[in-house]
Protein backbone atom coordinates (compact mmCIF):
# COMPACT_ATOMS: atom_id res chain seq x y z
CA UNK A 1 21.90 -28.24 0.46
CA UNK A 2 18.99 -30.71 0.63
CA UNK A 3 17.78 -32.74 -2.35
CA UNK A 4 14.49 -30.82 -2.37
CA UNK A 5 16.32 -27.51 -2.39
CA UNK A 6 18.55 -28.66 -5.27
CA UNK A 7 15.56 -29.74 -7.34
CA UNK A 8 13.85 -26.41 -6.67
CA UNK A 9 16.91 -24.47 -7.78
CA UNK A 10 17.15 -26.51 -10.99
CA UNK A 11 13.45 -26.27 -11.80
CA UNK A 12 12.96 -22.56 -11.13
CA UNK A 13 15.27 -20.31 -13.08
CA UNK A 14 14.98 -16.52 -12.83
CA UNK A 15 13.45 -14.75 -15.81
CA UNK A 16 15.35 -12.31 -17.98
CA UNK A 17 14.29 -8.65 -18.08
CA UNK A 18 12.71 -9.19 -21.51
CA UNK A 19 10.75 -12.25 -20.32
CA UNK A 20 9.47 -10.39 -17.27
CA UNK A 21 8.36 -7.41 -19.36
CA UNK A 22 6.57 -9.67 -21.85
CA UNK A 23 4.66 -11.54 -19.17
CA UNK A 24 3.72 -8.40 -17.25
CA UNK A 25 2.13 -6.94 -20.38
CA UNK A 26 -0.30 -9.87 -20.30
CA UNK A 27 -1.38 -9.18 -16.72
CA UNK A 28 -4.98 -7.94 -16.25
CA UNK A 29 -5.47 -4.22 -15.75
CA UNK A 30 -6.65 -2.50 -12.58
CA UNK A 31 -9.51 -0.31 -13.86
CA UNK A 32 -9.77 1.47 -10.52
CA UNK A 33 -6.40 3.19 -10.89
CA UNK A 34 -7.59 4.96 -14.02
CA UNK A 35 -11.07 5.70 -12.66
CA UNK A 36 -10.02 7.55 -9.52
CA UNK A 37 -9.74 10.85 -11.36
CA UNK A 38 -12.79 10.02 -13.49
CA UNK A 39 -15.77 8.20 -12.01
CA UNK A 40 -14.80 9.11 -8.43
CA UNK A 41 -14.11 12.80 -9.17
CA UNK A 42 -17.53 13.76 -7.86
CA UNK A 43 -16.75 12.37 -4.42
CA UNK A 44 -13.09 13.34 -4.27
CA UNK A 45 -13.98 17.00 -4.72
CA UNK A 46 -16.69 16.98 -2.10
CA UNK A 47 -15.21 19.20 0.62
CA UNK A 48 -17.74 21.95 -0.01
CA UNK A 49 -20.74 19.65 0.09
CA UNK A 50 -23.11 18.75 2.86
CA UNK A 51 -23.02 15.28 4.40
CA UNK A 52 -26.31 14.44 2.68
CA UNK A 53 -24.91 15.21 -0.77
CA UNK A 54 -21.78 13.13 -0.12
CA UNK A 55 -23.94 10.29 1.17
CA UNK A 56 -25.89 10.21 -2.08
CA UNK A 57 -22.64 9.61 -3.97
CA UNK A 58 -21.59 6.88 -1.52
CA UNK A 59 -24.92 5.04 -1.85
CA UNK A 60 -24.11 4.23 -5.48
CA UNK A 61 -21.21 2.03 -4.35
CA UNK A 62 -22.21 -0.90 -2.10
CA UNK A 63 -18.56 -1.74 -1.30
CA UNK A 64 -17.84 1.82 -0.17
CA UNK A 65 -21.07 1.95 1.83
CA UNK A 66 -20.20 -1.29 3.62
CA UNK A 67 -16.66 -0.19 4.48
CA UNK A 68 -17.80 3.22 5.72
CA UNK A 69 -20.37 1.69 8.08
CA UNK A 70 -17.90 -0.93 9.34
CA UNK A 71 -15.37 1.81 10.02
CA UNK A 72 -17.69 4.17 11.87
CA UNK A 73 -18.98 1.29 14.03
CA UNK A 74 -15.50 -0.02 14.83
CA UNK A 75 -13.81 0.29 18.21
CA UNK A 76 -11.68 3.09 16.75
CA UNK A 77 -14.57 5.54 16.99
CA UNK A 78 -15.95 4.10 20.24
CA UNK A 79 -19.55 5.14 19.62
CA UNK A 80 -22.08 3.82 22.11
CA UNK A 81 -24.87 3.39 19.55
CA UNK A 82 -24.58 1.65 16.19
CA UNK A 83 -24.62 4.00 13.20
CA UNK A 84 -26.75 2.86 10.25
CA UNK A 85 -27.38 6.23 8.62
CA UNK A 86 -24.86 7.31 5.97
CA UNK A 87 -25.19 11.02 6.76
CA UNK A 88 -24.27 10.29 10.38
CA UNK A 89 -21.38 8.08 9.25
CA UNK A 90 -19.95 10.86 7.06
CA UNK A 91 -20.29 13.30 9.97
CA UNK A 92 -18.37 11.06 12.40
CA UNK A 93 -15.72 9.82 9.96
CA UNK A 94 -15.06 13.11 8.19
CA UNK A 95 -14.69 14.03 4.54
CA UNK A 96 -10.97 13.27 4.36
CA UNK A 97 -11.46 9.69 5.56
CA UNK A 98 -14.38 9.26 3.16
CA UNK A 99 -12.16 10.43 0.30
CA UNK A 100 -9.54 7.87 1.28
CA UNK A 101 -12.16 5.12 1.50
CA UNK A 102 -13.39 6.12 -1.96
CA UNK A 103 -9.91 5.66 -3.37
CA UNK A 104 -9.13 2.51 -1.42
CA UNK A 105 -12.31 0.51 -2.01
CA UNK A 106 -12.07 -0.06 -5.80
CA UNK A 107 -8.29 -0.56 -5.70
CA UNK A 108 -8.45 -3.27 -3.01
CA UNK A 109 -11.36 -4.93 -4.84
CA UNK A 110 -9.25 -4.95 -8.03
CA UNK A 111 -6.26 -6.30 -6.07
CA UNK A 112 -8.39 -9.24 -4.95
CA UNK A 113 -9.44 -10.00 -8.53
CA UNK A 114 -5.83 -9.80 -9.71
CA UNK A 115 -4.64 -12.14 -6.93
CA UNK A 116 -7.29 -14.67 -7.98
CA UNK A 117 -7.21 -18.08 -6.32
CA UNK A 118 -3.48 -18.25 -5.61
CA UNK A 119 -2.33 -19.98 -2.43
CA UNK A 120 -0.99 -16.90 -0.61
CA UNK A 121 -2.82 -15.41 2.34
CA UNK A 122 -3.47 -12.00 0.81
CA UNK A 123 -5.47 -10.48 3.66
CA UNK A 124 -2.29 -9.41 5.43
CA UNK A 125 -1.14 -7.63 2.27
CA UNK A 126 -4.47 -5.76 1.95
CA UNK A 127 -4.11 -4.59 5.57
CA UNK A 128 -0.47 -3.62 5.05
CA UNK A 129 -1.33 -1.69 1.87
CA UNK A 130 -4.17 0.27 3.48
CA UNK A 131 -2.06 1.04 6.57
CA UNK A 132 0.87 2.19 4.43
CA UNK A 133 -1.43 4.45 2.41
CA UNK A 134 -2.83 6.09 5.53
CA UNK A 135 0.59 6.63 7.08
CA UNK A 136 2.07 7.93 3.81
CA UNK A 137 -0.65 10.58 3.72
CA UNK A 138 -0.04 11.50 7.39
CA UNK A 139 3.68 11.90 6.74
CA UNK A 140 3.22 14.08 3.67
CA UNK A 141 0.78 16.31 5.53
CA UNK A 142 3.42 16.88 8.22
CA UNK A 143 5.96 18.24 5.73
CA UNK A 144 6.46 21.83 4.61
CA UNK A 145 5.12 20.86 1.15
CA UNK A 146 2.04 18.68 1.62
CA UNK A 147 1.21 16.56 -1.39
CA UNK A 148 -2.08 15.50 -2.96
CA UNK A 149 -4.26 12.42 -3.42
CA UNK A 150 -1.42 10.74 -5.32
CA UNK A 151 0.30 10.24 -1.96
CA UNK A 152 -2.45 7.97 -0.66
CA UNK A 153 -2.76 6.06 -3.92
CA UNK A 154 1.01 5.53 -4.15
CA UNK A 155 1.09 4.14 -0.62
CA UNK A 156 -1.85 1.88 -1.44
CA UNK A 157 -0.20 0.32 -4.53
CA UNK A 158 3.44 0.31 -3.37
CA UNK A 159 3.48 -3.49 -3.04
CA UNK A 160 1.44 -4.31 -6.17
CA UNK A 161 4.53 -6.20 -7.38
CA UNK A 162 3.80 -8.92 -4.80
CA UNK A 163 0.35 -9.45 -6.30
CA UNK A 164 1.73 -9.53 -9.84
CA UNK A 165 4.32 -12.06 -8.67
CA UNK A 166 1.67 -14.33 -7.19
CA UNK A 167 -0.61 -13.95 -10.20
CA UNK A 168 1.90 -14.38 -13.05
CA UNK A 169 4.67 -16.43 -11.45
CA UNK A 170 2.97 -18.60 -8.80
CA UNK A 171 5.75 -21.22 -8.51
CA UNK A 172 8.50 -18.61 -8.16
CA UNK A 173 6.30 -16.66 -5.76
CA UNK A 174 5.80 -19.67 -3.49
CA UNK A 175 9.52 -20.43 -3.60
CA UNK A 176 10.30 -16.87 -2.53
CA UNK A 177 7.87 -17.16 0.38
CA UNK A 178 9.46 -20.49 1.34
CA UNK A 179 12.95 -19.01 1.38
CA UNK A 180 12.18 -15.72 3.16
CA UNK A 181 11.94 -17.20 6.69
CA UNK A 182 15.42 -18.65 6.20
CA UNK A 183 16.95 -15.26 5.43
CA UNK A 184 18.60 -13.03 8.01
CA UNK A 185 17.77 -9.68 6.43
CA UNK A 186 16.02 -8.12 3.45
CA UNK A 187 13.97 -10.44 1.29
CA UNK A 188 14.66 -8.44 -1.86
CA UNK A 189 17.80 -10.35 -2.81
CA UNK A 190 15.80 -13.61 -2.56
CA UNK A 191 13.22 -12.20 -4.97
CA UNK A 192 15.89 -11.12 -7.44
CA UNK A 193 17.77 -14.43 -7.27
CA UNK A 194 14.58 -16.47 -7.65
CA UNK A 195 12.43 -14.42 -10.02
CA UNK A 196 14.82 -12.04 -11.74
CA UNK A 197 13.76 -8.81 -10.00
CA UNK A 198 12.28 -7.66 -6.72
CA UNK A 199 8.65 -6.66 -6.08
CA UNK A 200 9.37 -2.92 -6.34
CA UNK A 201 10.74 -3.28 -9.86
CA UNK A 202 8.00 -5.74 -10.85
CA UNK A 203 5.36 -3.34 -9.53
CA UNK A 204 6.79 -0.46 -11.55
CA UNK A 205 6.78 -2.63 -14.69
CA UNK A 206 3.14 -3.41 -14.12
CA UNK A 207 2.10 0.21 -13.44
CA UNK A 208 3.94 1.28 -16.58
CA UNK A 209 1.82 -1.11 -18.65
CA UNK A 210 -1.25 0.58 -17.12
CA UNK A 211 -0.01 3.90 -18.54
CA UNK A 212 -0.20 5.53 -15.14
CA UNK A 213 1.54 8.65 -13.87
CA UNK A 214 5.36 8.56 -14.12
CA UNK A 215 5.41 10.05 -10.61
CA UNK A 216 3.45 7.10 -9.25
CA UNK A 217 5.72 4.63 -11.05
CA UNK A 218 8.89 6.30 -9.75
CA UNK A 219 7.65 6.31 -6.16
CA UNK A 220 6.64 2.63 -6.26
CA UNK A 221 9.87 1.53 -7.97
CA UNK A 222 12.02 3.30 -5.38
CA UNK A 223 10.03 2.88 -2.18
CA UNK A 224 12.94 0.93 -0.67
CA UNK A 225 15.56 3.30 -2.15
CA UNK A 226 13.92 6.75 -2.15
CA UNK A 227 17.10 8.59 -3.13
CA UNK A 228 16.72 7.04 -6.58
CA UNK A 229 13.24 8.47 -7.19
CA UNK A 230 14.42 11.80 -8.56
CA UNK A 231 11.72 14.47 -8.42
CA UNK A 232 9.48 12.07 -6.49
CA UNK A 233 12.02 11.20 -3.81
CA UNK A 234 9.90 12.81 -1.08
CA UNK A 235 6.90 10.61 -1.86
CA UNK A 236 9.12 7.51 -2.12
CA UNK A 237 10.65 8.46 1.24
CA UNK A 238 7.22 8.77 2.86
CA UNK A 239 6.25 5.33 1.52
CA UNK A 240 9.52 3.83 2.80
CA UNK A 241 8.90 5.17 6.31
CA UNK A 242 5.24 4.12 6.23
CA UNK A 243 6.20 0.65 4.99
CA UNK A 244 8.64 0.08 7.86
CA UNK A 245 6.29 1.67 10.39
CA UNK A 246 3.32 -0.53 9.50
CA UNK A 247 5.53 -3.59 9.74
CA UNK A 248 6.73 -2.48 13.18
CA UNK A 249 3.15 -2.44 14.54
CA UNK A 250 2.27 -5.88 13.18
CA UNK A 251 0.80 -4.91 9.82
CA UNK A 252 3.38 -6.75 7.77
CA UNK A 253 2.69 -9.47 5.23
CA UNK A 254 4.08 -12.78 4.03
CA UNK A 255 6.60 -11.11 1.75
CA UNK A 256 8.47 -9.37 4.57
CA UNK A 257 11.61 -10.75 6.11
CA UNK A 258 11.71 -12.02 9.71
CA UNK A 259 13.59 -8.99 11.07
CA UNK A 260 11.16 -6.35 9.79
CA UNK A 261 9.18 -6.10 13.02
CA UNK A 262 12.35 -5.23 14.90
CA UNK A 263 13.58 -2.61 12.47
CA UNK A 264 13.78 0.95 13.77
CA UNK A 265 11.34 2.81 11.52
CA UNK A 266 12.82 6.11 12.67
CA UNK A 267 16.25 5.17 11.28
CA UNK A 268 15.43 4.61 7.59
CA UNK A 269 16.98 6.87 4.97
CA UNK A 270 13.68 8.46 3.99
CA UNK A 271 13.56 10.71 7.05
CA UNK A 272 16.45 12.89 5.87
CA UNK A 273 14.82 13.25 2.46
CA UNK A 274 11.35 14.01 3.74
CA UNK A 275 12.53 16.25 6.57
CA UNK A 276 15.84 17.87 5.57
CA UNK A 277 17.89 20.13 7.81
CA UNK A 278 15.80 22.97 9.13
CA UNK A 279 12.54 21.02 9.37
CA UNK A 280 13.23 19.18 12.63
CA UNK A 281 9.99 20.46 14.17
CA UNK A 282 8.01 18.89 11.35
CA UNK A 283 9.84 15.60 11.81
CA UNK A 284 9.23 15.58 15.56
CA UNK A 285 5.57 16.28 14.92
CA UNK A 286 5.40 13.42 12.40
CA UNK A 287 7.00 11.01 14.87
CA UNK A 288 4.47 11.94 17.56
CA UNK A 289 1.59 11.50 15.11
CA UNK A 290 2.81 8.03 14.16
CA UNK A 291 3.35 7.03 17.77
CA UNK A 292 -0.31 7.85 18.41
CA UNK A 293 -1.31 6.13 15.18
CA UNK A 294 0.37 2.92 16.33
CA UNK A 295 -2.37 2.39 18.90
CA UNK A 296 -5.33 2.77 16.54
CA UNK A 297 -4.21 1.76 13.06
CA UNK A 298 -4.30 -2.06 13.39
CA UNK A 299 -7.91 -2.08 14.57
CA UNK A 300 -9.00 0.49 12.01
CA UNK A 301 -7.41 -1.37 9.10
CA UNK A 302 -8.77 -4.71 10.26
CA UNK A 303 -12.36 -3.61 9.72
CA UNK A 304 -11.68 -2.42 6.17
CA UNK A 305 -10.58 -5.69 4.54
């Protein structure tokens, strides 16, 4: 072991469970997570409305307007003429995508505020989070029991523990990022050894302080181990698959280990939970959807952050 490594080990001791819980309670809130079912209700229930009515709701939010126009004018849609009219944008993008943008925009903006001026390159995490949310929703829609808007939100916030780590424990966070490239497998044991817990547990602690849905907390806490999510094991399984899939197509982030891009996303444990015996057709359909998604998702996500 080098001298520098020895000093680092002596200087940075992992926190106890009580210390972690105390510090996390001091972390700033994410107002967006509590507003989704409040201030955004008007837009999220807009299926029966005309594009003009939906556009009026979107105009009130400059961030949402900007993202919608960037998306519709991206290479993903391949339109020959630039779209500047919101009604046209809603028509081309579709109500479902607008709903997802409405949920994603305030959450990502809050993520950026929570991350603050820390040294990490967060843009990759924003892209990974948005991609995971989209894929989680696609997977749940392919099952025999499609979920609800919680699926997208859970995928979006599944790695919030990384942001909390960088915000509250910057020295430990940087040490974890320094050690990850030296590992030969999962980075979670490095997080636990260095900080005292991994990002999934830290994220669940944080969401609990926000007094959010127990279902959301369970899914985030167990997105690497979906069998432990109890009644929400299907959602945790979808997030696990989406997490590995987005990494496999280059939408990983600094907190992922070096072998993630080579991991077979079709071999993770979540598949058997999400698509049990007797639902093979659904699973095959989901695989085909994701294989098509692999071509478009990186470009789509890139224009949203």
